[in-house]
Amino acid sequence: MTARISLSNPFRKADTETTRFVILCQPRTGSSLLNTSLRQHPDIHLDREILNHRQRHVLPDDGADRLRACLARTTHRAVGCNLHAFQPDRGWQDWLKWESAWGALAEDRSIKVIHLRRLNVLAQLASWKIASFLNRWGTQEDITNRPRIHIDREEYRWFRDWNQAVFDWRLSHLTQHDVLPVSYESLCDDWMGTIQQAQQFLGVEPIPLSQAASRNETRPLQEVIVNLQELQNLPWH
């Protein structure tokens, strides 16, 4: 079974039905950029990560109820939230009470899914390590002296395999949902086309939306990872 991939759904003109959706994402894939940018549209309401215990939401404690309440708003044509594939955090003692949100999502096939991932896993891992080093997971615009990093080959293998396995596992429960694949690279290289496609998918009239956040890392990858060539020469890269 494969998810039903939607590439260009026409936006609705007359009906008032609300499109409910989630942005299914991974760490360091541009989910904050996509979220804050789509929120500029007057017909879209978007919550941030509702399964992140470090962010405050006025939502029920139970995970399934939390997702349903988040998507129950009728004030906008499209209502959604970010769902990070690795949340709730297993290191958080109460993580089980939110895990049921994923079951609720799988059961409700009417919820659309924007499937956001980063094609360059090395760049994704580098971004994660730098954010960890700086202890800055949001904007880093004020940091001018950005660090260079070394990535151990086994760390790279672990991250690549774990990253893929967890994300694919989440997707495997959404095979009957309408899914729009979006990549971090498409947001960077074809912003206008990608953001228009996302708006069409959500059933709202496409309008020009600016990038509401800037990229934290603008250096070429060879200036970020000191042993980049070694990693790129690995047979399983």
Protein backbone atom coordinates (compact mmCIF):
# COMPACT_ATOMS: atom_id res chain seq x y z
CA MET A 1 0.00 0.00 0.00
CA THR A 2 1.17 3.50 -0.77
CA ALA A 3 -0.14 6.88 0.28
CA ARG A 4 -2.31 8.71 -2.18
CA ILE A 5 0.00 11.41 -3.44
CA SER A 6 -1.69 14.72 -4.32
CA LEU A 7 0.30 17.13 -6.43
CA SER A 8 -2.15 19.86 -7.42
CA ASN A 9 -5.60 19.83 -5.84
CA PRO A 10 -7.71 22.79 -7.06
CA PHE A 11 -8.70 25.18 -4.29
CA ARG A 12 -12.36 25.37 -3.37
CA LYS A 13 -14.24 28.51 -4.39
CA ALA A 14 -17.72 28.16 -2.93
CA ASP A 15 -17.91 25.60 -0.14
CA THR A 16 -17.04 26.35 3.46
CA GLU A 17 -15.78 22.92 4.47
CA THR A 18 -12.66 23.11 6.60
CA THR A 19 -9.55 21.26 5.44
CA ARG A 20 -7.83 19.63 8.41
CA PHE A 21 -4.16 18.84 7.98
CA VAL A 22 -0.86 18.12 9.67
CA ILE A 23 2.70 18.92 8.67
CA LEU A 24 4.54 15.65 9.30
CA CYS A 25 8.17 16.60 9.77
CA GLN A 26 11.61 15.59 11.00
CA PRO A 27 14.18 17.64 12.94
CA ARG A 28 15.91 20.41 11.00
CA THR A 29 13.78 20.14 7.86
CA GLY A 30 12.34 23.65 7.63
CA SER A 31 9.11 22.90 9.50
CA SER A 32 9.19 26.21 11.39
CA LEU A 33 9.76 28.07 8.12
CA LEU A 34 6.84 26.33 6.44
CA ASN A 35 4.58 26.73 9.47
CA THR A 36 5.18 30.43 10.07
CA SER A 37 4.96 31.23 6.37
CA LEU A 38 1.66 29.42 5.79
CA ARG A 39 0.24 31.16 8.86
CA GLN A 40 0.43 34.43 6.93
CA HIS A 41 -2.47 33.24 4.76
CA PRO A 42 -5.77 34.68 6.10
CA ASP A 43 -7.59 31.39 5.45
CA ILE A 44 -5.07 29.14 7.27
CA HIS A 45 -4.78 28.54 11.00
CA LEU A 46 -1.71 26.62 12.11
CA ASP A 47 -0.54 25.50 15.53
CA ARG A 48 3.10 24.64 16.14
CA GLU A 49 4.22 21.23 17.42
CA ILE A 50 1.34 20.08 19.61
CA LEU A 51 3.27 17.05 20.96
CA ASN A 52 6.24 19.05 22.17
CA HIS A 53 6.03 19.32 25.95
CA ARG A 54 8.32 22.36 25.86
CA GLN A 55 5.67 24.36 24.00
CA ARG A 56 2.50 25.55 25.67
CA HIS A 57 -0.91 24.88 24.14
CA VAL A 58 -4.38 25.23 25.62
CA LEU A 59 -5.34 21.71 24.53
CA PRO A 60 -6.52 18.51 26.27
CA ASP A 61 -3.99 16.28 28.01
CA ASP A 62 -4.90 13.12 26.10
CA GLY A 63 -3.05 12.91 22.79
CA ALA A 64 -5.99 11.85 20.63
CA ASP A 65 -8.22 14.53 22.17
CA ARG A 66 -5.40 17.04 21.75
CA LEU A 67 -5.17 16.43 18.01
CA ARG A 68 -8.93 16.45 17.51
CA ALA A 69 -9.35 19.67 19.49
CA CYS A 70 -6.56 21.33 17.57
CA LEU A 71 -8.19 20.46 14.24
CA ALA A 72 -11.76 21.19 15.36
CA ARG A 73 -11.58 24.94 14.73
CA THR A 74 -13.97 26.22 12.06
CA THR A 75 -12.71 29.80 11.83
CA HIS A 76 -10.53 29.17 8.76
CA ARG A 77 -10.70 27.25 5.49
CA ALA A 78 -7.66 25.18 6.53
CA VAL A 79 -6.69 24.24 10.10
CA GLY A 80 -3.57 22.30 10.99
CA CYS A 81 -0.53 21.74 13.17
CA ASN A 82 3.01 20.39 13.08
CA LEU A 83 3.53 16.77 14.11
CA HIS A 84 7.18 15.92 14.62
CA ALA A 85 7.75 12.26 13.72
CA PHE A 86 9.87 11.71 16.86
CA GLN A 87 7.39 13.24 19.28
CA PRO A 88 6.27 12.81 21.96
CA ASP A 89 9.78 12.72 23.38
CA ARG A 90 10.41 9.29 24.89
CA GLY A 91 12.65 10.96 27.44
CA TRP A 92 9.64 12.84 28.81
CA GLN A 93 8.05 10.87 31.64
CA ASP A 94 4.47 11.46 30.44
CA TRP A 95 5.07 10.73 26.74
CA LEU A 96 2.54 7.86 26.61
CA LYS A 97 -0.41 10.17 27.17
CA TRP A 98 0.31 11.93 23.86
CA GLU A 99 1.24 8.94 21.72
CA SER A 100 -2.46 8.28 21.03
CA ALA A 101 -2.50 11.34 18.77
CA TRP A 102 -0.83 9.23 16.10
CA GLY A 103 -3.54 6.60 16.33
CA ALA A 104 -6.22 9.27 15.97
CA LEU A 105 -4.45 10.64 12.91
CA ALA A 106 -4.20 7.18 11.32
CA GLU A 107 -7.90 6.48 11.93
CA ASP A 108 -9.15 9.73 10.40
CA ARG A 109 -8.39 9.46 6.70
CA SER A 110 -9.92 12.86 5.96
CA ILE A 111 -6.92 14.61 7.56
CA LYS A 112 -4.45 15.70 4.90
CA VAL A 113 -0.71 15.34 5.37
CA ILE A 114 2.10 17.61 4.18
CA HIS A 115 5.04 15.22 4.26
CA LEU A 116 8.14 17.36 4.86
CA ARG A 117 11.62 15.91 4.80
CA ARG A 118 15.19 16.89 3.98
CA LEU A 119 16.83 15.02 1.12
CA ASN A 120 20.39 15.83 2.22
CA VAL A 121 20.66 13.85 5.45
CA LEU A 122 24.23 14.99 6.12
CA ALA A 123 23.12 18.61 6.03
CA GLN A 124 20.21 17.73 8.30
CA LEU A 125 22.52 16.07 10.83
CA ALA A 126 24.97 18.97 10.67
CA SER A 127 22.16 21.42 11.39
CA TRP A 128 21.07 19.30 14.35
CA LYS A 129 24.58 19.11 15.80
CA ILE A 130 25.11 22.86 15.44
CA ALA A 131 21.77 23.62 17.09
CA SER A 132 22.72 21.28 19.94
CA PHE A 133 26.13 22.90 20.29
CA LEU A 134 24.64 26.40 20.34
CA ASN A 135 21.58 25.29 22.33
CA ARG A 136 19.55 27.32 19.86
CA TRP A 137 16.76 25.43 18.08
CA GLY A 138 15.05 28.49 16.64
CA THR A 139 16.52 31.45 14.84
CA GLN A 140 20.30 31.87 14.93
CA GLU A 141 20.46 35.11 12.96
CA ASP A 142 22.56 36.87 15.60
CA ILE A 143 25.31 34.21 15.56
CA THR A 144 28.01 35.31 13.14
CA ASN A 145 30.85 33.03 14.23
CA ARG A 146 29.27 29.73 13.28
CA PRO A 147 31.09 26.52 14.28
CA ARG A 148 32.50 23.86 12.00
CA ILE A 149 31.83 20.27 13.03
CA HIS A 150 33.20 16.76 12.66
CA ILE A 151 30.73 13.90 12.16
CA ASP A 152 31.76 10.38 13.05
CA ARG A 153 30.88 7.83 10.37
CA GLU A 154 28.95 5.63 12.82
CA GLU A 155 27.05 8.66 14.08
CA TYR A 156 26.12 9.43 10.50
CA ARG A 157 25.00 5.82 9.88
CA TRP A 158 22.93 5.81 13.08
CA PHE A 159 21.24 9.11 12.30
CA ARG A 160 20.50 8.17 8.70
CA ASP A 161 18.99 4.79 9.61
CA TRP A 162 17.10 5.98 12.70
CA ASN A 163 15.82 9.08 10.95
CA GLN A 164 14.51 7.08 8.01
CA ALA A 165 13.08 4.21 10.05
CA VAL A 166 11.02 6.34 12.43
CA PHE A 167 9.69 8.57 9.66
CA ASP A 168 8.78 5.61 7.43
CA TRP A 169 7.09 3.95 10.39
CA ARG A 170 4.89 7.00 10.95
CA LEU A 171 4.07 7.19 7.22
CA SER A 172 3.20 3.49 7.09
CA HIS A 173 0.09 4.23 9.16
CA LEU A 174 -1.07 6.96 6.76
CA THR A 175 -1.35 5.03 3.50
CA GLN A 176 -4.97 6.06 2.94
CA HIS A 177 -4.43 9.77 3.55
CA ASP A 178 -3.95 12.47 0.93
CA VAL A 179 -0.25 13.29 1.12
CA LEU A 180 1.72 16.16 -0.39
CA PRO A 181 5.49 15.50 -0.43
CA VAL A 182 7.57 18.62 0.24
CA SER A 183 11.32 18.80 0.73
CA TYR A 184 13.50 21.32 2.51
CA GLU A 185 15.40 21.67 -0.75
CA SER A 186 12.26 22.61 -2.67
CA LEU A 187 11.50 25.30 -0.10
CA CYS A 188 14.99 26.72 -0.66
CA ASP A 189 15.21 26.33 -4.45
CA ASP A 190 11.60 26.92 -5.57
CA TRP A 191 9.87 28.80 -2.81
CA MET A 192 7.07 30.32 -4.88
CA GLY A 193 6.17 27.11 -6.67
CA THR A 194 6.32 24.97 -3.52
CA ILE A 195 4.31 27.34 -1.32
CA GLN A 196 1.67 27.73 -4.04
CA GLN A 197 1.38 23.96 -4.35
CA ALA A 198 0.92 23.68 -0.58
CA GLN A 199 -1.88 26.26 -0.61
CA GLN A 200 -3.67 24.46 -3.43
CA PHE A 201 -3.37 21.19 -1.54
CA LEU A 202 -5.02 22.81 1.49
CA GLY A 203 -7.92 24.11 -0.57
CA VAL A 204 -7.22 27.83 -0.14
CA GLU A 205 -6.69 30.37 -2.87
CA PRO A 206 -2.95 30.68 -3.52
CA ILE A 207 -1.51 34.08 -2.72
CA PRO A 208 2.13 35.24 -2.58
CA LEU A 209 3.60 34.38 0.82
CA SER A 210 7.02 35.57 1.89
CA GLN A 211 9.49 33.46 3.81
CA ALA A 212 8.64 34.29 7.42
CA ALA A 213 11.99 33.02 8.67
CA SER A 214 15.49 33.02 7.22
CA ARG A 215 17.80 30.04 6.83
CA ASN A 216 20.17 29.60 9.76
CA GLU A 217 22.90 28.04 7.62
CA THR A 218 23.99 29.63 4.35
CA ARG A 219 27.52 28.21 4.12
CA PRO A 220 28.37 25.46 1.62
CA LEU A 221 28.36 22.08 3.34
CA GLN A 222 32.11 21.67 2.87
CA GLU A 223 32.58 24.72 5.09
CA VAL A 224 30.37 23.20 7.79
CA ILE A 225 31.54 19.57 8.01
CA VAL A 226 35.31 19.26 8.23
CA ASN A 227 35.34 15.61 7.11
CA LEU A 228 32.64 15.90 4.45
CA GLN A 229 34.60 14.11 1.74
CA GLU A 230 35.26 11.12 4.00
CA LEU A 231 31.54 10.77 4.69
CA GLN A 232 30.54 11.21 1.07
CA ASN A 233 32.96 8.43 0.06
CA LEU A 234 31.33 5.88 2.35
CA PRO A 235 29.86 2.98 0.32
CA TRP A 236 26.46 3.36 1.99
CA HIS A 237 26.25 7.16 1.68
